[in-house]
Amino acid sequence: MGKATKYINLISDKKIKEYVAVAKLGIHTDSYDITGEVLEEKQVENIADEKIIETLNSFLGKQEQTPPIFSAKKVVGKRLYSYAHEKKEVKIRKQNIEIFF
C-alpha cells in the first residue's frame, strides 16, 4: 500500500501489523539490528526452545516503548534515523504499544 499504509487503521478495525522474529544471539550493534556495526560479540550457550518462547511471550501485552534512534519515527519533523546518522542526540518520547498473539 506504500504511503497509504499509515492510514490503514482508519479503514480497518483489525490489528493487521505482523512481525516475524529472526534473531542472531550474542551480537550487539550500534543500530540495534543486524545491519549496524558490531560493537560486541559474545558466545551464546545452547538455549532451549521453551526459554526462547517464554522470552518472546514476555513481550505480549500493553507496555511503554522508547522508539530506537534508528527508526522512521519523526521528531520535530525529522526522522530519527537522520539524527542517528548525524550523531545528534534527540529527546525521544515513550509511546504506548500493545503486542498480541
PDB file of N, CA and C in Angstrom:
ATOM      1  N   MET A   1       0.807  -1.192   0.000  1.00  0.00           N
ATOM      2  CA  MET A   1       0.000   0.000   0.000  1.00  0.00           C
ATOM      3  C   MET A   1       0.855   1.263   0.000  1.00  0.00           C
ATOM      4  N   GLY A   2       2.155   1.105   0.161  1.00  0.00           N
ATOM      5  CA  GLY A   2       3.036   2.253   0.094  1.00  0.00           C
ATOM      6  C   GLY A   2       2.767   3.270   1.184  1.00  0.00           C
ATOM      7  N   LYS A   3       2.695   4.551   0.790  1.00  0.00           N
ATOM      8  CA  LYS A   3       2.486   5.635   1.746  1.00  0.00           C
ATOM      9  C   LYS A   3       1.122   5.565   2.423  1.00  0.00           C
ATOM     10  N   ALA A   4       0.175   4.872   1.808  1.00  0.00           N
ATOM     11  CA  ALA A   4      -1.165   4.759   2.392  1.00  0.00           C
ATOM     12  C   ALA A   4      -1.188   3.838   3.606  1.00  0.00           C
ATOM     13  N   THR A   5      -0.119   3.102   3.854  1.00  0.00           N
ATOM     14  CA  THR A   5      -0.071   2.171   4.972  1.00  0.00           C
ATOM     15  C   THR A   5      -0.397   2.849   6.297  1.00  0.00           C
ATOM     16  N   LYS A   6       0.061   4.080   6.487  1.00  0.00           N
ATOM     17  CA  LYS A   6      -0.172   4.756   7.762  1.00  0.00           C
ATOM     18  C   LYS A   6      -1.652   5.057   8.011  1.00  0.00           C
ATOM     19  N   TYR A   7      -2.501   4.948   6.989  1.00  0.00           N
ATOM     20  CA  TYR A   7      -3.929   5.210   7.146  1.00  0.00           C
ATOM     21  C   TYR A   7      -4.762   3.936   7.283  1.00  0.00           C
ATOM     22  N   ILE A   8      -4.123   2.786   7.280  1.00  0.00           N
ATOM     23  CA  ILE A   8      -4.847   1.518   7.294  1.00  0.00           C
ATOM     24  C   ILE A   8      -5.730   1.384   8.533  1.00  0.00           C
ATOM     25  N   ASN A   9      -5.280   1.936   9.677  1.00  0.00           N
ATOM     26  CA  ASN A   9      -6.090   1.821  10.891  1.00  0.00           C
ATOM     27  C   ASN A   9      -7.391   2.617  10.796  1.00  0.00           C
ATOM     28  N   LEU A  10      -7.483   3.543   9.875  1.00  0.00           N
ATOM     29  CA  LEU A  10      -8.706   4.313   9.697  1.00  0.00           C
ATOM     30  C   LEU A  10      -9.769   3.539   8.920  1.00  0.00           C
ATOM     31  N   ILE A  11      -9.352   2.554   8.139  1.00  0.00           N
ATOM     32  CA  ILE A  11     -10.312   1.814   7.324  1.00  0.00           C
ATOM     33  C   ILE A  11     -10.537   0.387   7.808  1.00  0.00           C
ATOM     34  N   SER A  12      -9.820   0.005   8.855  1.00  0.00           N
ATOM     35  CA  SER A  12      -9.959  -1.348   9.363  1.00  0.00           C
ATOM     36  C   SER A  12      -9.895  -1.336  10.882  1.00  0.00           C
ATOM     37  N   ASP A  13     -10.717  -2.162  11.517  1.00  0.00           N
ATOM     38  CA  ASP A  13     -10.663  -2.268  12.968  1.00  0.00           C
ATOM     39  C   ASP A  13      -9.804  -3.448  13.409  1.00  0.00           C
ATOM     40  N   LYS A  14      -9.166  -4.102  12.471  1.00  0.00           N
ATOM     41  CA  LYS A  14      -8.345  -5.263  12.784  1.00  0.00           C
ATOM     42  C   LYS A  14      -6.902  -4.850  13.037  1.00  0.00           C
ATOM     43  N   LYS A  15      -6.263  -5.587  13.909  1.00  0.00           N
ATOM     44  CA  LYS A  15      -4.841  -5.391  14.174  1.00  0.00           C
ATOM     45  C   LYS A  15      -4.101  -6.154  13.077  1.00  0.00           C
ATOM     46  N   ILE A  16      -3.522  -5.441  12.117  1.00  0.00           N
ATOM     47  CA  ILE A  16      -3.001  -6.140  10.944  1.00  0.00           C
ATOM     48  C   ILE A  16      -1.489  -6.164  10.823  1.00  0.00           C
ATOM     49  N   LYS A  17      -0.780  -5.425  11.684  1.00  0.00           N
ATOM     50  CA  LYS A  17       0.675  -5.495  11.575  1.00  0.00           C
ATOM     51  C   LYS A  17       1.134  -6.853  12.069  1.00  0.00           C
ATOM     52  N   GLU A  18       2.055  -7.422  11.366  1.00  0.00           N
ATOM     53  CA  GLU A  18       2.582  -8.722  11.765  1.00  0.00           C
ATOM     54  C   GLU A  18       4.088  -8.687  11.629  1.00  0.00           C
ATOM     55  N   TYR A  19       4.752  -9.193  12.635  1.00  0.00           N
ATOM     56  CA  TYR A  19       6.200  -9.242  12.630  1.00  0.00           C
ATOM     57  C   TYR A  19       6.658 -10.675  12.787  1.00  0.00           C
ATOM     58  N   VAL A  20       7.732 -11.016  12.126  1.00  0.00           N
ATOM     59  CA  VAL A  20       8.359 -12.321  12.277  1.00  0.00           C
ATOM     60  C   VAL A  20       9.707 -12.081  12.930  1.00  0.00           C
ATOM     61  N   ALA A  21       9.951 -12.753  14.036  1.00  0.00           N
ATOM     62  CA  ALA A  21      11.208 -12.557  14.764  1.00  0.00           C
ATOM     63  C   ALA A  21      12.273 -13.519  14.256  1.00  0.00           C
ATOM     64  N   VAL A  22      13.386 -12.953  13.852  1.00  0.00           N
ATOM     65  CA  VAL A  22      14.574 -13.727  13.490  1.00  0.00           C
ATOM     66  C   VAL A  22      15.708 -13.094  14.276  1.00  0.00           C
ATOM     67  N   ALA A  23      16.418 -13.896  15.032  1.00  0.00           N
ATOM     68  CA  ALA A  23      17.431 -13.326  15.915  1.00  0.00           C
ATOM     69  C   ALA A  23      18.775 -14.016  15.732  1.00  0.00           C
ATOM     70  N   LYS A  24      19.814 -13.226  15.898  1.00  0.00           N
ATOM     71  CA  LYS A  24      21.169 -13.756  15.959  1.00  0.00           C
ATOM     72  C   LYS A  24      21.669 -13.386  17.348  1.00  0.00           C
ATOM     73  N   LEU A  25      21.735 -14.340  18.228  1.00  0.00           N
ATOM     74  CA  LEU A  25      22.060 -14.087  19.621  1.00  0.00           C
ATOM     75  C   LEU A  25      23.556 -13.856  19.806  1.00  0.00           C
ATOM     76  N   GLY A  26      23.870 -12.968  20.761  1.00  0.00           N
ATOM     77  CA  GLY A  26      25.264 -12.715  21.103  1.00  0.00           C
ATOM     78  C   GLY A  26      25.890 -11.538  20.391  1.00  0.00           C
ATOM     79  N   ILE A  27      25.111 -10.822  19.580  1.00  0.00           N
ATOM     80  CA  ILE A  27      25.626  -9.687  18.817  1.00  0.00           C
ATOM     81  C   ILE A  27      24.984  -8.404  19.333  1.00  0.00           C
ATOM     82  N   HIS A  28      25.787  -7.374  19.574  1.00  0.00           N
ATOM     83  CA  HIS A  28      25.279  -6.048  19.943  1.00  0.00           C
ATOM     84  C   HIS A  28      25.789  -5.065  18.899  1.00  0.00           C
ATOM     85  N   THR A  29      24.863  -4.356  18.227  1.00  0.00           N
ATOM     86  CA  THR A  29      25.249  -3.409  17.182  1.00  0.00           C
ATOM     87  C   THR A  29      24.818  -1.994  17.548  1.00  0.00           C
ATOM     88  N   ASP A  30      25.394  -1.031  16.868  1.00  0.00           N
ATOM     89  CA  ASP A  30      25.064   0.367  17.137  1.00  0.00           C
ATOM     90  C   ASP A  30      23.663   0.747  16.671  1.00  0.00           C
ATOM     91  N   SER A  31      23.064  -0.033  15.797  1.00  0.00           N
ATOM     92  CA  SER A  31      21.718   0.261  15.296  1.00  0.00           C
ATOM     93  C   SER A  31      20.657  -0.652  15.904  1.00  0.00           C
ATOM     94  N   TYR A  32      21.066  -1.541  16.806  1.00  0.00           N
ATOM     95  CA  TYR A  32      20.168  -2.490  17.475  1.00  0.00           C
ATOM     96  C   TYR A  32      19.582  -3.522  16.515  1.00  0.00           C
ATOM     97  N   ASP A  33      20.138  -3.638  15.331  1.00  0.00           N
ATOM     98  CA  ASP A  33      19.714  -4.685  14.397  1.00  0.00           C
ATOM     99  C   ASP A  33      20.945  -5.217  13.664  1.00  0.00           C
ATOM    100  N   ILE A  34      20.751  -6.171  12.804  1.00  0.00           N
ATOM    101  CA  ILE A  34      21.861  -6.867  12.145  1.00  0.00           C
ATOM    102  C   ILE A  34      22.599  -5.997  11.133  1.00  0.00           C
ATOM    103  N   THR A  35      21.999  -4.863  10.727  1.00  0.00           N
ATOM    104  CA  THR A  35      22.634  -4.016   9.716  1.00  0.00           C
ATOM    105  C   THR A  35      23.693  -3.081  10.293  1.00  0.00           C
ATOM    106  N   GLY A  36      23.703  -2.931  11.620  1.00  0.00           N
ATOM    107  CA  GLY A  36      24.621  -1.982  12.243  1.00  0.00           C
ATOM    108  C   GLY A  36      26.028  -2.518  12.412  1.00  0.00           C
ATOM    109  N   GLU A  37      26.894  -1.633  12.886  1.00  0.00           N
ATOM    110  CA  GLU A  37      28.280  -2.010  13.172  1.00  0.00           C
ATOM    111  C   GLU A  37      28.303  -2.807  14.472  1.00  0.00           C
ATOM    112  N   VAL A  38      28.976  -3.957  14.445  1.00  0.00           N
ATOM    113  CA  VAL A  38      29.048  -4.818  15.626  1.00  0.00           C
ATOM    114  C   VAL A  38      29.931  -4.149  16.675  1.00  0.00           C
ATOM    115  N   LEU A  39      29.345  -3.913  17.855  1.00  0.00           N
ATOM    116  CA  LEU A  39      30.063  -3.301  18.960  1.00  0.00           C
ATOM    117  C   LEU A  39      30.604  -4.345  19.927  1.00  0.00           C
ATOM    118  N   GLU A  40      29.893  -5.464  20.022  1.00  0.00           N
ATOM    119  CA  GLU A  40      30.272  -6.514  20.957  1.00  0.00           C
ATOM    120  C   GLU A  40      29.733  -7.843  20.457  1.00  0.00           C
ATOM    121  N   GLU A  41      30.487  -8.883  20.666  1.00  0.00           N
ATOM    122  CA  GLU A  41      30.057 -10.227  20.276  1.00  0.00           C
ATOM    123  C   GLU A  41      30.416 -11.187  21.395  1.00  0.00           C
ATOM    124  N   LYS A  42      29.438 -11.995  21.806  1.00  0.00           N
ATOM    125  CA  LYS A  42      29.639 -12.961  22.880  1.00  0.00           C
ATOM    126  C   LYS A  42      29.186 -14.336  22.420  1.00  0.00           C
ATOM    127  N   GLN A  43      29.825 -15.347  22.950  1.00  0.00           N
ATOM    128  CA  GLN A  43      29.419 -16.723  22.695  1.00  0.00           C
ATOM    129  C   GLN A  43      28.132 -16.997  23.471  1.00  0.00           C
ATOM    130  N   VAL A  44      27.162 -17.611  22.848  1.00  0.00           N
ATOM    131  CA  VAL A  44      25.894 -17.922  23.495  1.00  0.00           C
ATOM    132  C   VAL A  44      25.774 -19.436  23.613  1.00  0.00           C
ATOM    133  N   GLU A  45      25.488 -19.879  24.829  1.00  0.00           N
ATOM    134  CA  GLU A  45      25.287 -21.307  25.070  1.00  0.00           C
ATOM    135  C   GLU A  45      23.982 -21.766  24.433  1.00  0.00           C
ATOM    136  N   ASN A  46      23.819 -23.069  24.288  1.00  0.00           N
ATOM    137  CA  ASN A  46      22.565 -23.604  23.753  1.00  0.00           C
ATOM    138  C   ASN A  46      21.399 -23.170  24.633  1.00  0.00           C
ATOM    139  N   ILE A  47      20.342 -22.718  24.003  1.00  0.00           N
ATOM    140  CA  ILE A  47      19.157 -22.264  24.723  1.00  0.00           C
ATOM    141  C   ILE A  47      17.987 -23.141  24.281  1.00  0.00           C
ATOM    142  N   ALA A  48      17.243 -23.635  25.251  1.00  0.00           N
ATOM    143  CA  ALA A  48      16.090 -24.487  24.953  1.00  0.00           C
ATOM    144  C   ALA A  48      15.015 -23.673  24.240  1.00  0.00           C
ATOM    145  N   ASP A  49      14.325 -24.319  23.311  1.00  0.00           N
ATOM    146  CA  ASP A  49      13.235 -23.667  22.586  1.00  0.00           C
ATOM    147  C   ASP A  49      12.210 -23.069  23.550  1.00  0.00           C
ATOM    148  N   GLU A  50      11.943 -23.773  24.651  1.00  0.00           N
ATOM    149  CA  GLU A  50      10.961 -23.300  25.627  1.00  0.00           C
ATOM    150  C   GLU A  50      11.372 -21.951  26.210  1.00  0.00           C
ATOM    151  N   LYS A  51      12.652 -21.748  26.458  1.00  0.00           N
ATOM    152  CA  LYS A  51      13.147 -20.484  27.015  1.00  0.00           C
ATOM    153  C   LYS A  51      12.966 -19.349  26.002  1.00  0.00           C
ATOM    154  N   ILE A  52      13.203 -19.627  24.731  1.00  0.00           N
ATOM    155  CA  ILE A  52      13.009 -18.620  23.682  1.00  0.00           C
ATOM    156  C   ILE A  52      11.537 -18.233  23.590  1.00  0.00           C
ATOM    157  N   ILE A  53      10.656 -19.225  23.612  1.00  0.00           N
ATOM    158  CA  ILE A  53       9.215 -18.966  23.552  1.00  0.00           C
ATOM    159  C   ILE A  53       8.772 -18.181  24.783  1.00  0.00           C
ATOM    160  N   GLU A  54       9.271 -18.547  25.946  1.00  0.00           N
ATOM    161  CA  GLU A  54       8.941 -17.836  27.189  1.00  0.00           C
ATOM    162  C   GLU A  54       9.378 -16.369  27.102  1.00  0.00           C
ATOM    163  N   THR A  55      10.556 -16.138  26.569  1.00  0.00           N
ATOM    164  CA  THR A  55      11.064 -14.765  26.436  1.00  0.00           C
ATOM    165  C   THR A  55      10.218 -13.958  25.458  1.00  0.00           C
ATOM    166  N   LEU A  56       9.899 -14.543  24.309  1.00  0.00           N
ATOM    167  CA  LEU A  56       9.051 -13.847  23.333  1.00  0.00           C
ATOM    168  C   LEU A  56       7.681 -13.536  23.925  1.00  0.00           C
ATOM    169  N   ASN A  57       7.118 -14.472  24.668  1.00  0.00           N
ATOM    170  CA  ASN A  57       5.808 -14.252  25.285  1.00  0.00           C
ATOM    171  C   ASN A  57       5.843 -13.142  26.329  1.00  0.00           C
ATOM    172  N   SER A  58       7.001 -12.872  26.914  1.00  0.00           N
ATOM    173  CA  SER A  58       7.106 -11.814  27.920  1.00  0.00           C
ATOM    174  C   SER A  58       6.892 -10.425  27.302  1.00  0.00           C
ATOM    175  N   PHE A  59       6.955 -10.319  25.989  1.00  0.00           N
ATOM    176  CA  PHE A  59       6.719  -9.042  25.308  1.00  0.00           C
ATOM    177  C   PHE A  59       5.235  -8.784  25.063  1.00  0.00           C
ATOM    178  N   LEU A  60       4.396  -9.788  25.248  1.00  0.00           N
ATOM    179  CA  LEU A  60       2.971  -9.643  24.972  1.00  0.00           C
ATOM    180  C   LEU A  60       2.307  -8.682  25.952  1.00  0.00           C
ATOM    181  N   GLY A  61       1.318  -7.959  25.459  1.00  0.00           N
ATOM    182  CA  GLY A  61       0.545  -7.063  26.304  1.00  0.00           C
ATOM    183  C   GLY A  61       0.862  -5.602  26.066  1.00  0.00           C
ATOM    184  N   LYS A  62       0.296  -4.771  26.926  1.00  0.00           N
ATOM    185  CA  LYS A  62       0.488  -3.326  26.827  1.00  0.00           C
ATOM    186  C   LYS A  62       1.762  -2.933  27.561  1.00  0.00           C
ATOM    187  N   GLN A  63       2.476  -1.984  26.992  1.00  0.00           N
ATOM    188  CA  GLN A  63       3.706  -1.501  27.608  1.00  0.00           C
ATOM    189  C   GLN A  63       4.102  -0.168  26.988  1.00  0.00           C
ATOM    190  N   GLU A  64       5.045   0.497  27.632  1.00  0.00           N
ATOM    191  CA  GLU A  64       5.618   1.720  27.070  1.00  0.00           C
ATOM    192  C   GLU A  64       6.898   1.341  26.347  1.00  0.00           C
ATOM    193  N   GLN A  65       7.140   2.004  25.241  1.00  0.00           N
ATOM    194  CA  GLN A  65       8.326   1.707  24.441  1.00  0.00           C
ATOM    195  C   GLN A  65       8.957   3.014  23.981  1.00  0.00           C
ATOM    196  N   THR A  66      10.271   3.084  24.091  1.00  0.00           N
ATOM    197  CA  THR A  66      11.010   4.202  23.506  1.00  0.00           C
ATOM    198  C   THR A  66      11.468   3.757  22.130  1.00  0.00           C
ATOM    199  N   PRO A  67      11.015   4.405  21.070  1.00  0.00           N
ATOM    200  CA  PRO A  67      11.452   4.005  19.731  1.00  0.00           C
ATOM    201  C   PRO A  67      12.976   4.123  19.604  1.00  0.00           C
ATOM    202  N   PRO A  68      13.597   3.217  18.880  1.00  0.00           N
ATOM    203  CA  PRO A  68      15.053   3.285  18.711  1.00  0.00           C
ATOM    204  C   PRO A  68      15.445   4.480  17.838  1.00  0.00           C
ATOM    205  N   ILE A  69      16.644   4.986  18.037  1.00  0.00           N
ATOM    206  CA  ILE A  69      17.139   6.132  17.272  1.00  0.00           C
ATOM    207  C   ILE A  69      17.218   5.801  15.778  1.00  0.00           C
ATOM    208  N   PHE A  70      17.393   4.538  15.436  1.00  0.00           N
ATOM    209  CA  PHE A  70      17.400   4.124  14.028  1.00  0.00           C
ATOM    210  C   PHE A  70      15.991   3.688  13.643  1.00  0.00           C
ATOM    211  N   SER A  71      15.060   4.649  13.606  1.00  0.00           N
ATOM    212  CA  SER A  71      13.696   4.343  13.184  1.00  0.00           C
ATOM    213  C   SER A  71      13.173   5.498  12.328  1.00  0.00           C
ATOM    214  N   ALA A  72      12.056   5.255  11.676  1.00  0.00           N
ATOM    215  CA  ALA A  72      11.463   6.265  10.793  1.00  0.00           C
ATOM    216  C   ALA A  72      10.528   7.198  11.557  1.00  0.00           C
ATOM    217  N   LYS A  73      10.374   6.992  12.845  1.00  0.00           N
ATOM    218  CA  LYS A  73       9.541   7.866  13.667  1.00  0.00           C
ATOM    219  C   LYS A  73      10.057   9.294  13.561  1.00  0.00           C
ATOM    220  N   LYS A  74       9.144  10.255  13.468  1.00  0.00           N
ATOM    221  CA  LYS A  74       9.560  11.653  13.320  1.00  0.00           C
ATOM    222  C   LYS A  74       9.569  12.384  14.661  1.00  0.00           C
ATOM    223  N   VAL A  75      10.582  13.219  14.852  1.00  0.00           N
ATOM    224  CA  VAL A  75      10.682  14.127  15.984  1.00  0.00           C
ATOM    225  C   VAL A  75      11.023  15.500  15.405  1.00  0.00           C
ATOM    226  N   VAL A  76      10.206  16.477  15.698  1.00  0.00           N
ATOM    227  CA  VAL A  76      10.357  17.829  15.158  1.00  0.00           C
ATOM    228  C   VAL A  76      10.444  17.781  13.627  1.00  0.00           C
ATOM    229  N   GLY A  77       9.597  16.943  13.013  1.00  0.00           N
ATOM    230  CA  GLY A  77       9.513  16.865  11.559  1.00  0.00           C
ATOM    231  C   GLY A  77      10.651  16.144  10.862  1.00  0.00           C
ATOM    232  N   LYS A  78      11.520  15.510  11.625  1.00  0.00           N
ATOM    233  CA  LYS A  78      12.688  14.841  11.040  1.00  0.00           C
ATOM    234  C   LYS A  78      12.736  13.401  11.535  1.00  0.00           C
ATOM    235  N   ARG A  79      13.050  12.481  10.644  1.00  0.00           N
ATOM    236  CA  ARG A  79      13.119  11.064  11.003  1.00  0.00           C
ATOM    237  C   ARG A  79      14.268  10.810  11.975  1.00  0.00           C
ATOM    238  N   LEU A  80      14.007   9.937  12.952  1.00  0.00           N
ATOM    239  CA  LEU A  80      15.024   9.652  13.961  1.00  0.00           C
ATOM    240  C   LEU A  80      16.322   9.135  13.353  1.00  0.00           C
ATOM    241  N   TYR A  81      16.234   8.316  12.303  1.00  0.00           N
ATOM    242  CA  TYR A  81      17.471   7.781  11.727  1.00  0.00           C
ATOM    243  C   TYR A  81      18.361   8.884  11.168  1.00  0.00           C
ATOM    244  N   SER A  82      17.749  10.018  10.791  1.00  0.00           N
ATOM    245  CA  SER A  82      18.559  11.151  10.325  1.00  0.00           C
ATOM    246  C   SER A  82      19.420  11.700  11.460  1.00  0.00           C
ATOM    247  N   TYR A  83      18.824  11.827  12.639  1.00  0.00           N
ATOM    248  CA  TYR A  83      19.591  12.258  13.808  1.00  0.00           C
ATOM    249  C   TYR A  83      20.701  11.258  14.119  1.00  0.00           C
ATOM    250  N   ALA A  84      20.381   9.978  13.998  1.00  0.00           N
ATOM    251  CA  ALA A  84      21.368   8.935  14.290  1.00  0.00           C
ATOM    252  C   ALA A  84      22.560   9.027  13.340  1.00  0.00           C
ATOM    253  N   HIS A  85      22.296   9.200  12.056  1.00  0.00           N
ATOM    254  CA  HIS A  85      23.389   9.290  11.077  1.00  0.00           C
ATOM    255  C   HIS A  85      24.235  10.542  11.283  1.00  0.00           C
ATOM    256  N   GLU A  86      23.594  11.607  11.783  1.00  0.00           N
ATOM    257  CA  GLU A  86      24.318  12.848  12.061  1.00  0.00           C
ATOM    258  C   GLU A  86      24.973  12.828  13.441  1.00  0.00           C
ATOM    259  N   LYS A  87      24.764  11.718  14.183  1.00  0.00           N
ATOM    260  CA  LYS A  87      25.286  11.548  15.546  1.00  0.00           C
ATOM    261  C   LYS A  87      24.815  12.675  16.467  1.00  0.00           C
ATOM    262  N   LYS A  88      23.558  13.092  16.278  1.00  0.00           N
ATOM    263  CA  LYS A  88      22.954  14.122  17.111  1.00  0.00           C
ATOM    264  C   LYS A  88      22.032  13.469  18.128  1.00  0.00           C
ATOM    265  N   GLU A  89      22.045  13.978  19.336  1.00  0.00           N
ATOM    266  CA  GLU A  89      21.149  13.480  20.367  1.00  0.00           C
ATOM    267  C   GLU A  89      19.804  14.172  20.239  1.00  0.00           C
ATOM    268  N   VAL A  90      18.750  13.448  20.530  1.00  0.00           N
ATOM    269  CA  VAL A  90      17.397  13.983  20.452  1.00  0.00           C
ATOM    270  C   VAL A  90      16.562  13.310  21.539  1.00  0.00           C
ATOM    271  N   LYS A  91      15.665  14.072  22.135  1.00  0.00           N
ATOM    272  CA  LYS A  91      14.795  13.505  23.156  1.00  0.00           C
ATOM    273  C   LYS A  91      13.688  12.720  22.460  1.00  0.00           C
ATOM    274  N   ILE A  92      13.599  11.441  22.795  1.00  0.00           N
ATOM    275  CA  ILE A  92      12.602  10.558  22.197  1.00  0.00           C
ATOM    276  C   ILE A  92      11.581  10.205  23.266  1.00  0.00           C
ATOM    277  N   ARG A  93      10.328  10.558  23.019  1.00  0.00           N
ATOM    278  CA  ARG A  93       9.271  10.261  23.981  1.00  0.00           C
ATOM    279  C   ARG A  93       8.826   8.811  23.885  1.00  0.00           C
ATOM    280  N   LYS A  94       8.522   8.246  25.044  1.00  0.00           N
ATOM    281  CA  LYS A  94       7.975   6.886  25.075  1.00  0.00           C
ATOM    282  C   LYS A  94       6.568   6.913  24.495  1.00  0.00           C
ATOM    283  N   GLN A  95       6.158   5.777  23.965  1.00  0.00           N
ATOM    284  CA  GLN A  95       4.803   5.662  23.452  1.00  0.00           C
ATOM    285  C   GLN A  95       4.195   4.360  23.943  1.00  0.00           C
ATOM    286  N   ASN A  96       2.885   4.347  24.048  1.00  0.00           N
ATOM    287  CA  ASN A  96       2.182   3.141  24.468  1.00  0.00           C
ATOM    288  C   ASN A  96       2.020   2.217  23.268  1.00  0.00           C
ATOM    289  N   ILE A  97       2.329   0.952  23.493  1.00  0.00           N
ATOM    290  CA  ILE A  97       2.170  -0.038  22.434  1.00  0.00           C
ATOM    291  C   ILE A  97       1.469  -1.262  23.030  1.00  0.00           C
ATOM    292  N   GLU A  98       0.960  -2.112  22.158  1.00  0.00           N
ATOM    293  CA  GLU A  98       0.397  -3.383  22.597  1.00  0.00           C
ATOM    294  C   GLU A  98       0.821  -4.457  21.609  1.00  0.00           C
ATOM    295  N   ILE A  99       1.358  -5.512  22.161  1.00  0.00           N
ATOM    296  CA  ILE A  99       1.762  -6.654  21.350  1.00  0.00           C
ATOM    297  C   ILE A  99       0.869  -7.821  21.732  1.00  0.00           C
ATOM    298  N   PHE A 100       0.271  -8.436  20.730  1.00  0.00           N
ATOM    299  CA  PHE A 100      -0.627  -9.553  20.995  1.00  0.00           C
ATOM    300  C   PHE A 100      -0.321 -10.680  20.038  1.00  0.00           C
ATOM    301  N   PHE A 101      -0.830 -11.842  20.355  1.00  0.00           N
ATOM    302  CA  PHE A 101      -0.571 -13.038  19.562  1.00  0.00           C
ATOM    303  C   PHE A 101      -1.829 -13.442  18.855  1.00  0.00           C
TER     304      PHE A 101
END
